[in-house]
Amino acid sequence: MANNPSMYQVAVSSYIPVLAYAGVALIALGTAGIIIFVVLALRGREGKRRVYRLLSMIFAMILITGLPIYIVQGINGSHAEISMGAGFVDIHAPYIGNMNYTSSQVIYAFMENIDTGNVTVAIRDAGTSLGNLDEGIFMLSNGAKAYVATDNATSLVISLDSGKYLIIGSQNSRSMAEYFNLYVHSVSGL
């Protein structure tokens, strides 16, 4: 994270790509099971060959399950970047694209726990909720649409003049909100 008076930048992502590791584990387990039971099926008696073939097919399904999990989470993942400067906020994220807002588009802003507060993330329309990461387009508990890029439940909630919300956060959402308060728009409660 780079932080200086002229620019604030932060990357938002999961702590650990847990699902990628799960995908690798399923691939390894499936491959090992297939090899073991195919060898046993080739060497075993006729009665046991059927069981070994069945077990090989089960491990093949485990392998097939692990591949897309690894490909989606291990290679692509989800990583958003938030930048702020004097009078602007830029978001670059896979599910919401590139979004740029100026202070004139902000109606009000406040800090909120988006899991348990008055304005919560209710329904994901597009994007991901992986571990600590929420990134994408969500419906809020108040019925409004929100563009979300945060890896912290306590996030900066920004009401825009379009009637939509922008919710951003990082491991240090408080620092982000303080910068936003100084250089972009006032934040209630700071």
Protein backbone atom coordinates (compact mmCIF):
# COMPACT_ATOMS: atom_id res chain seq x y z
CA MET A 1 0.00 0.00 0.00
CA ALA A 2 1.39 3.38 -0.97
CA ASN A 3 0.20 6.28 1.11
CA ASN A 4 1.26 9.89 0.65
CA PRO A 5 -0.58 13.22 0.73
CA SER A 6 -1.01 13.42 -3.04
CA MET A 7 -2.27 9.85 -3.65
CA TYR A 8 -3.68 6.93 -1.64
CA GLN A 9 -3.57 3.47 -3.23
CA VAL A 10 -4.52 0.07 -1.90
CA ALA A 11 -5.05 -3.43 -3.29
CA VAL A 12 -8.08 -5.40 -2.12
CA SER A 13 -7.88 -9.19 -2.25
CA SER A 14 -8.24 -12.35 -0.19
CA TYR A 15 -5.72 -13.14 2.52
CA ILE A 16 -5.00 -16.61 1.11
CA PRO A 17 -6.49 -18.15 -2.03
CA VAL A 18 -8.05 -20.95 0.04
CA LEU A 19 -10.13 -22.35 -2.80
CA ALA A 20 -7.08 -22.54 -5.05
CA TYR A 21 -5.37 -24.72 -2.44
CA ALA A 22 -8.51 -26.84 -2.13
CA GLY A 23 -8.51 -27.25 -5.92
CA VAL A 24 -4.89 -28.41 -5.92
CA ALA A 25 -5.63 -30.86 -3.09
CA LEU A 26 -8.59 -32.32 -5.02
CA ILE A 27 -6.49 -32.62 -8.18
CA ALA A 28 -3.71 -34.43 -6.27
CA LEU A 29 -6.15 -36.71 -4.45
CA GLY A 30 -8.02 -37.54 -7.65
CA THR A 31 -4.85 -38.27 -9.60
CA ALA A 32 -3.38 -40.48 -6.86
CA GLY A 33 -6.65 -42.38 -6.47
CA ILE A 34 -6.98 -42.98 -10.20
CA ILE A 35 -3.41 -44.29 -10.49
CA ILE A 36 -3.72 -46.57 -7.46
CA PHE A 37 -7.06 -48.08 -8.40
CA VAL A 38 -6.29 -48.47 -12.12
CA VAL A 39 -3.13 -50.41 -11.20
CA LEU A 40 -5.10 -52.53 -8.74
CA ALA A 41 -7.83 -53.12 -11.33
CA LEU A 42 -5.25 -54.38 -13.84
CA ARG A 43 -3.66 -56.74 -11.30
CA GLY A 44 -6.67 -57.84 -9.25
CA ARG A 45 -9.08 -60.73 -9.53
CA GLU A 46 -12.25 -60.34 -11.60
CA GLY A 47 -14.52 -59.65 -8.61
CA LYS A 48 -12.29 -56.93 -7.23
CA ARG A 49 -11.67 -55.33 -10.63
CA ARG A 50 -15.21 -53.93 -10.68
CA VAL A 51 -14.74 -52.32 -7.28
CA TYR A 52 -11.39 -50.88 -8.33
CA ARG A 53 -12.88 -49.50 -11.55
CA LEU A 54 -15.72 -47.90 -9.59
CA LEU A 55 -13.26 -46.35 -7.14
CA SER A 56 -11.17 -45.08 -10.10
CA MET A 57 -14.27 -43.36 -11.48
CA ILE A 58 -15.00 -41.75 -8.10
CA PHE A 59 -11.46 -40.39 -7.93
CA ALA A 60 -11.81 -39.18 -11.54
CA MET A 61 -14.86 -37.17 -10.43
CA ILE A 62 -12.82 -35.71 -7.56
CA LEU A 63 -10.13 -34.72 -10.06
CA ILE A 64 -12.71 -33.18 -12.39
CA THR A 65 -14.16 -31.19 -9.47
CA GLY A 66 -10.74 -29.83 -8.48
CA LEU A 67 -9.76 -28.57 -11.94
CA PRO A 68 -12.33 -25.74 -12.33
CA ILE A 69 -11.89 -24.70 -8.71
CA TYR A 70 -8.16 -24.28 -9.24
CA ILE A 71 -8.53 -22.62 -12.65
CA VAL A 72 -11.07 -20.04 -11.46
CA GLN A 73 -9.49 -19.22 -8.09
CA GLY A 74 -5.85 -20.16 -8.58
CA ILE A 75 -5.13 -18.51 -11.88
CA ASN A 76 -7.63 -15.67 -12.16
CA GLY A 77 -8.57 -14.88 -8.58
CA SER A 78 -10.03 -11.50 -7.78
CA HIS A 79 -7.99 -8.42 -7.09
CA ALA A 80 -9.27 -4.86 -6.97
CA GLU A 81 -7.26 -1.65 -6.81
CA ILE A 82 -8.51 1.54 -5.18
CA SER A 83 -6.81 4.91 -5.77
CA MET A 84 -7.72 8.27 -4.28
CA GLY A 85 -6.36 11.74 -4.81
CA ALA A 86 -7.50 15.31 -4.45
CA GLY A 87 -11.20 15.18 -5.37
CA PHE A 88 -11.40 11.71 -6.95
CA VAL A 89 -11.70 7.95 -6.33
CA ASP A 90 -10.75 5.35 -8.96
CA ILE A 91 -11.63 1.67 -8.71
CA HIS A 92 -10.18 -1.00 -10.99
CA ALA A 93 -11.72 -4.42 -10.36
CA PRO A 94 -12.50 -7.51 -12.46
CA TYR A 95 -16.25 -7.60 -11.80
CA ILE A 96 -17.02 -3.87 -11.85
CA GLY A 97 -14.44 -2.67 -14.35
CA ASN A 98 -12.87 0.77 -14.16
CA MET A 99 -14.92 3.31 -12.25
CA ASN A 100 -14.00 6.93 -11.61
CA TYR A 101 -15.84 9.28 -9.28
CA THR A 102 -15.23 12.88 -8.36
CA SER A 103 -16.10 14.61 -5.11
CA SER A 104 -18.99 16.39 -6.88
CA GLN A 105 -20.68 12.99 -7.42
CA VAL A 106 -20.57 12.12 -3.69
CA ILE A 107 -23.69 12.97 -1.66
CA TYR A 108 -22.42 11.67 1.70
CA ALA A 109 -20.06 9.06 3.12
CA PHE A 110 -19.82 7.11 6.37
CA MET A 111 -18.08 4.11 7.92
CA GLU A 112 -20.24 1.01 8.35
CA ASN A 113 -19.96 -2.69 9.12
CA ILE A 114 -21.47 -4.05 5.90
CA ASP A 115 -22.19 -7.43 7.50
CA THR A 116 -24.16 -6.24 10.55
CA GLY A 117 -24.73 -2.47 10.26
CA ASN A 118 -27.72 -0.40 9.08
CA VAL A 119 -26.65 -0.73 5.41
CA THR A 120 -25.59 -4.30 4.69
CA VAL A 121 -24.62 -6.20 1.57
CA ALA A 122 -27.66 -8.38 0.89
CA ILE A 123 -27.57 -9.99 -2.57
CA ARG A 124 -24.66 -10.39 -4.99
CA ASP A 125 -25.73 -9.63 -8.57
CA ALA A 126 -22.28 -10.14 -10.10
CA GLY A 127 -18.89 -10.67 -8.56
CA THR A 128 -17.38 -12.69 -5.76
CA SER A 129 -17.61 -13.16 -2.03
CA LEU A 130 -14.56 -15.20 -1.19
CA GLY A 131 -13.50 -15.33 2.43
CA ASN A 132 -12.93 -11.75 3.49
CA LEU A 133 -13.31 -10.36 -0.05
CA ASP A 134 -16.51 -8.82 -1.47
CA GLU A 135 -16.06 -7.47 -4.97
CA GLY A 136 -18.71 -6.81 -7.58
CA ILE A 137 -22.23 -5.47 -7.92
CA PHE A 138 -24.47 -6.06 -4.91
CA MET A 139 -27.96 -5.15 -3.72
CA LEU A 140 -27.99 -3.55 -0.28
CA SER A 141 -30.42 -4.09 2.56
CA ASN A 142 -31.98 -0.69 1.73
CA GLY A 143 -32.74 -1.87 -1.83
CA ALA A 144 -30.07 0.24 -3.51
CA LYS A 145 -27.44 -1.03 -5.92
CA ALA A 146 -23.80 -0.87 -4.81
CA TYR A 147 -20.40 -1.28 -6.43
CA VAL A 148 -18.32 -3.06 -3.80
CA ALA A 149 -14.56 -3.57 -3.51
CA THR A 150 -13.56 -4.43 0.06
CA ASP A 151 -11.77 -7.05 2.09
CA ASN A 152 -12.92 -5.69 5.45
CA ALA A 153 -16.42 -5.80 6.96
CA THR A 154 -15.90 -2.26 8.27
CA SER A 155 -15.86 -0.25 5.06
CA LEU A 156 -16.39 3.23 3.69
CA VAL A 157 -19.93 3.54 2.31
CA ILE A 158 -20.28 6.33 -0.26
CA SER A 159 -23.69 7.50 -1.49
CA LEU A 160 -23.49 8.76 -5.08
CA ASP A 161 -25.67 11.31 -6.89
CA SER A 162 -26.88 8.51 -9.20
CA GLY A 163 -28.69 6.86 -6.26
CA LYS A 164 -26.15 4.03 -6.19
CA TYR A 165 -23.50 3.35 -3.57
CA LEU A 166 -19.79 2.72 -3.70
CA ILE A 167 -18.45 0.58 -0.86
CA ILE A 168 -14.69 0.40 -0.50
CA GLY A 169 -12.45 -0.96 2.19
CA SER A 170 -9.11 -2.51 2.94
CA GLN A 171 -7.25 -4.01 5.84
CA ASN A 172 -6.98 -0.45 7.13
CA SER A 173 -10.36 1.01 6.18
CA ARG A 174 -10.06 3.67 8.88
CA SER A 175 -6.93 5.12 7.25
CA MET A 176 -8.69 5.04 3.87
CA ALA A 177 -11.70 6.87 5.31
CA GLU A 178 -9.46 9.50 6.92
CA TYR A 179 -7.74 10.15 3.58
CA PHE A 180 -11.13 10.29 1.84
CA ASN A 181 -12.34 12.73 4.50
CA LEU A 182 -9.34 15.04 3.95
CA TYR A 183 -9.01 14.96 0.16
CA VAL A 184 -12.27 13.81 -1.44
CA HIS A 185 -15.40 14.40 0.68
CA SER A 186 -16.34 14.61 4.35
CA VAL A 187 -17.07 11.33 6.13
CA SER A 188 -19.76 11.32 8.85
CA GLY A 189 -18.51 10.23 12.22
CA LEU A 190 -14.81 10.94 11.66
